[in-house]
N, C-alpha and C. Protein backbone atom coordinates (compact mmCIF):
# COMPACT_ATOMS: atom_id res chain seq x y z
N UNK A 1 0.85 -1.12 -0.19
CA UNK A 1 -0.06 -0.08 0.10
C UNK A 1 0.95 1.21 -0.01
N UNK A 2 2.19 1.45 0.76
CA UNK A 2 2.80 2.48 0.80
C UNK A 2 3.47 2.71 -0.48
N UNK A 3 3.63 1.66 -1.14
CA UNK A 3 4.52 1.69 -2.51
C UNK A 3 3.58 2.50 -3.50
N UNK A 4 2.26 2.01 -3.65
CA UNK A 4 1.44 2.76 -4.42
C UNK A 4 1.07 4.27 -4.01
N UNK A 5 1.07 4.39 -2.72
CA UNK A 5 0.91 5.96 -2.34
C UNK A 5 2.22 6.69 -2.53
N UNK A 6 3.52 5.97 -2.63
CA UNK A 6 4.63 6.75 -2.85
C UNK A 6 4.86 6.90 -4.12
N UNK A 7 4.20 6.10 -5.17
CA UNK A 7 4.20 6.22 -6.55
C UNK A 7 3.48 7.38 -6.93
N UNK A 8 2.32 7.35 -6.13
CA UNK A 8 1.34 8.50 -6.75
C UNK A 8 1.59 9.77 -6.23
N UNK A 9 2.41 9.88 -5.16
CA UNK A 9 2.92 11.18 -4.77
C UNK A 9 4.13 11.55 -5.52
N UNK A 10 4.93 10.51 -5.73
CA UNK A 10 6.06 11.04 -6.98
C UNK A 10 5.35 11.33 -8.09
N UNK A 11 4.26 10.73 -8.53
CA UNK A 11 3.78 11.16 -9.91
C UNK A 11 2.97 12.56 -9.89
N UNK A 12 2.63 12.85 -8.87
CA UNK A 12 1.88 14.19 -8.51
C UNK A 12 3.19 15.34 -8.66
N UNK A 13 4.36 14.98 -8.01
CA UNK A 13 5.24 15.90 -7.94
C UNK A 13 5.84 16.23 -9.43
N UNK A 14 5.94 15.04 -9.93
CA UNK A 14 6.52 15.10 -11.44
C UNK A 14 5.46 16.04 -12.26
N UNK A 15 4.10 15.47 -12.09
CA UNK A 15 3.08 16.47 -13.07
C UNK A 15 3.04 17.91 -12.61
N UNK A 16 3.63 18.10 -11.38
CA UNK A 16 3.36 19.55 -11.00
C UNK A 16 4.61 20.36 -11.47
N UNK A 17 5.71 19.48 -11.41
CA UNK A 17 6.78 20.24 -11.83
C UNK A 17 6.78 20.17 -13.57
N UNK A 18 6.57 19.31 -14.25
CA UNK A 18 6.39 19.55 -15.56
C UNK A 18 5.22 20.23 -16.10
N UNK A 19 3.98 20.32 -15.88
CA UNK A 19 2.98 20.97 -16.35
C UNK A 19 2.00 21.55 -15.29
N UNK A 20 2.58 22.47 -14.50
CA UNK A 20 1.72 23.06 -13.48
C UNK A 20 0.17 23.48 -13.85
N UNK A 21 0.07 24.03 -15.01
CA UNK A 21 -1.17 24.89 -15.50
C UNK A 21 -2.16 23.59 -15.50
N UNK A 22 -1.79 22.56 -16.25
CA UNK A 22 -2.60 21.25 -16.41
C UNK A 22 -3.03 20.72 -15.24
N UNK A 23 -2.01 20.58 -14.29
CA UNK A 23 -2.06 19.86 -13.05
C UNK A 23 -3.23 20.65 -12.26
N UNK A 24 -3.03 22.07 -12.25
CA UNK A 24 -4.02 22.64 -11.49
C UNK A 24 -5.54 22.62 -12.11
N UNK A 25 -5.51 22.72 -13.26
CA UNK A 25 -6.90 22.55 -13.76
C UNK A 25 -7.49 21.21 -13.68
N UNK A 26 -6.61 20.14 -13.66
CA UNK A 26 -7.18 19.04 -13.20
C UNK A 26 -7.70 18.95 -11.65
N UNK A 27 -6.98 19.84 -10.63
CA UNK A 27 -7.37 19.55 -9.30
C UNK A 27 -8.55 20.48 -9.34
N UNK A 28 -8.72 21.48 -9.82
CA UNK A 28 -10.07 22.44 -9.80
C UNK A 28 -10.96 21.74 -10.37
N UNK A 29 -10.99 20.86 -11.49
CA UNK A 29 -12.10 20.13 -12.15
C UNK A 29 -12.34 18.94 -11.25
N UNK A 30 -11.49 18.23 -10.54
CA UNK A 30 -11.89 17.23 -9.64
C UNK A 30 -12.77 17.55 -8.34
N UNK A 31 -12.01 18.90 -7.98
CA UNK A 31 -12.33 19.45 -6.55
C UNK A 31 -13.77 19.96 -6.60
N UNK A 32 -14.27 20.46 -7.67
CA UNK A 32 -15.69 21.04 -7.81
C UNK A 32 -16.89 19.99 -7.54
N UNK A 33 -16.96 18.91 -8.17
CA UNK A 33 -18.01 18.00 -7.64
C UNK A 33 -17.59 17.33 -6.29
N UNK A 34 -16.35 17.29 -5.74
CA UNK A 34 -16.25 16.90 -4.29
C UNK A 34 -16.68 18.04 -3.42
N UNK A 35 -16.63 19.16 -3.72
CA UNK A 35 -17.11 20.50 -2.99
C UNK A 35 -18.47 20.57 -2.81
N UNK A 36 -19.29 20.11 -4.16
CA UNK A 36 -20.60 19.89 -4.01
C UNK A 36 -21.15 18.94 -3.01
N UNK A 37 -20.49 17.76 -2.96
CA UNK A 37 -20.85 16.61 -2.26
C UNK A 37 -20.62 16.87 -0.71
N UNK A 38 -19.70 17.59 -0.41
CA UNK A 38 -19.51 17.84 1.14
C UNK A 38 -20.04 19.21 1.59
N UNK A 39 -20.45 20.03 0.84
CA UNK A 39 -20.88 21.49 1.09
C UNK A 39 -22.07 21.28 2.03
N UNK A 40 -22.14 22.06 3.18
CA UNK A 40 -23.32 22.15 3.84
C UNK A 40 -24.86 22.60 3.18
N UNK A 41 -24.36 23.42 2.10
CA UNK A 41 -25.86 23.85 1.56
C UNK A 41 -26.44 22.81 0.95
N UNK A 42 -25.80 21.63 0.45
CA UNK A 42 -26.18 20.50 -0.17
C UNK A 42 -27.33 19.78 0.64
N UNK A 43 -27.06 19.85 1.95
CA UNK A 43 -27.96 19.08 3.08
C UNK A 43 -29.11 20.10 3.12
N UNK A 44 -28.95 21.20 3.19
CA UNK A 44 -29.97 22.13 3.30
C UNK A 44 -31.01 22.06 2.31
N UNK A 45 -30.29 22.25 0.96
CA UNK A 45 -31.11 22.31 -0.14
C UNK A 45 -32.03 20.75 -0.18
N UNK A 46 -31.14 19.85 0.08
CA UNK A 46 -32.01 18.39 0.01
C UNK A 46 -33.01 18.55 1.09
N UNK A 47 -32.86 19.38 2.28
CA UNK A 47 -34.03 19.22 3.18
C UNK A 47 -35.36 19.93 2.92
N UNK A 48 -34.73 21.23 2.05
CA UNK A 48 -35.91 22.02 1.49
C UNK A 48 -36.58 21.57 0.44
N UNK A 49 -35.89 20.77 -0.59
CA UNK A 49 -36.70 20.21 -1.51
C UNK A 49 -37.66 18.66 -1.12
N UNK A 50 -37.12 18.58 0.15
CA UNK A 50 -37.96 17.36 0.49
C UNK A 50 -39.28 17.66 1.05
N UNK A 51 -39.34 19.09 1.81
CA UNK A 51 -40.46 19.83 2.31
C UNK A 51 -41.51 20.04 1.18
N UNK A 52 -41.02 20.45 -0.19
CA UNK A 52 -41.94 20.87 -1.11
C UNK A 52 -42.84 19.88 -1.75
N UNK A 53 -44.24 19.77 -1.25
CA UNK A 53 -44.99 18.91 -1.84
C UNK A 53 -45.09 18.58 -3.37
N UNK A 54 -45.17 17.55 -3.84
CA UNK A 54 -45.30 17.08 -5.23
C UNK A 54 -46.37 17.03 -5.87
N UNK A 55 -47.41 17.12 -5.04
CA UNK A 55 -48.97 17.02 -5.42
C UNK A 55 -49.83 17.90 -4.70
N UNK A 56 -50.43 18.65 -5.63
CA UNK A 56 -51.20 20.09 -4.91
C UNK A 56 -52.69 19.50 -4.97
N UNK A 57 -53.36 19.82 -3.90
CA UNK A 57 -54.81 19.72 -4.02
C UNK A 57 -55.14 20.21 -5.08
N UNK A 58 -56.29 19.71 -5.88
CA UNK A 58 -56.98 20.30 -6.97
C UNK A 58 -58.46 20.51 -6.34
N UNK A 59 -58.99 21.84 -6.71
CA UNK A 59 -60.50 22.16 -6.26
C UNK A 59 -61.50 21.24 -7.11
N UNK A 60 -61.95 20.27 -6.48
CA UNK A 60 -63.31 19.53 -7.34
C UNK A 60 -64.57 20.21 -7.79
N UNK A 61 -64.83 20.27 -8.95
CA UNK A 61 -65.71 20.92 -9.80
C UNK A 61 -67.04 20.33 -9.36
N UNK A 62 -68.20 20.72 -8.89
CA UNK A 62 -69.31 20.21 -8.85
C UNK A 62 -69.94 19.92 -10.33
N UNK A 63 -70.85 19.14 -10.04
CA UNK A 63 -71.25 18.19 -11.64
C UNK A 63 -72.32 19.68 -12.14
N UNK A 64 -71.82 20.48 -12.52
CA UNK A 64 -72.50 21.61 -13.22
C UNK A 64 -72.28 21.53 -14.61
N UNK A 65 -73.37 21.95 -15.12
CA UNK A 65 -73.46 22.41 -16.87
C UNK A 65 -72.73 23.70 -16.96
N UNK A 66 -71.63 23.46 -17.55
CA UNK A 66 -70.52 24.59 -17.90
C UNK A 66 -70.51 25.05 -19.15
N UNK A 67 -71.54 24.55 -19.97
CA UNK A 67 -71.66 25.13 -21.41
C UNK A 67 -71.74 26.39 -21.65
N UNK A 68 -72.29 27.18 -20.86
CA UNK A 68 -72.42 28.50 -20.68
C UNK A 68 -71.54 29.49 -20.28
N UNK A 69 -70.46 28.90 -19.89
CA UNK A 69 -69.44 29.56 -19.20
C UNK A 69 -68.11 29.61 -20.06
N UNK A 70 -67.60 30.64 -20.23
CA UNK A 70 -66.24 30.68 -21.18
C UNK A 70 -65.03 29.99 -20.34
N UNK A 71 -63.77 29.96 -21.04
CA UNK A 71 -62.81 29.65 -20.24
C UNK A 71 -62.23 30.59 -19.17
N UNK A 72 -62.83 31.65 -19.22
CA UNK A 72 -62.36 32.94 -18.00
C UNK A 72 -63.17 32.57 -16.95
N UNK A 73 -64.24 31.86 -16.88
CA UNK A 73 -65.03 31.79 -15.82
C UNK A 73 -66.40 32.65 -15.84
N UNK A 74 -66.34 33.49 -17.00
CA UNK A 74 -67.56 34.41 -17.12
C UNK A 74 -68.61 33.75 -17.92
N UNK A 75 -69.96 34.29 -17.65
CA UNK A 75 -71.19 33.64 -18.40
C UNK A 75 -71.14 34.06 -19.84
N UNK A 76 -71.14 33.40 -20.54
CA UNK A 76 -71.43 33.40 -22.25
C UNK A 76 -72.56 34.31 -22.33
N UNK A 77 -72.84 35.30 -23.34
CA UNK A 77 -73.91 36.14 -23.33
C UNK A 77 -74.38 35.91 -24.66
N UNK A 78 -75.71 35.20 -24.84
CA UNK A 78 -76.47 34.74 -25.97
C UNK A 78 -77.35 35.83 -26.27
N UNK A 79 -77.34 36.05 -27.80
CA UNK A 79 -78.49 37.03 -28.54
C UNK A 79 -79.62 36.01 -28.70
N UNK A 80 -80.57 36.36 -28.47
CA UNK A 80 -81.88 35.84 -28.73
C UNK A 80 -82.11 36.32 -30.25
N UNK A 81 -82.48 35.57 -31.25
CA UNK A 81 -82.67 35.98 -32.67
C UNK A 81 -84.12 35.85 -33.17
N UNK A 82 -85.16 35.60 -32.12
CA UNK A 82 -86.30 35.71 -32.90
C UNK A 82 -87.24 36.70 -32.22
């Protein structure tokens, strides 16, 4: 185990010495998702999302004849032609 760790540290030192810009871009790229996973805001956001209901109560309409009501809920005005 120490051999793998030593080789990894040696490779990281070599990468830092050879290409520091690429090395740091990889460090920032890998640390971003890790920061999201360990952030306290993640726990708070999960708790907030869990408290939001996914199904809202829908008002039940009575069995009424709605043929004389337009989509805005107002009575349609009919002209009598006789």
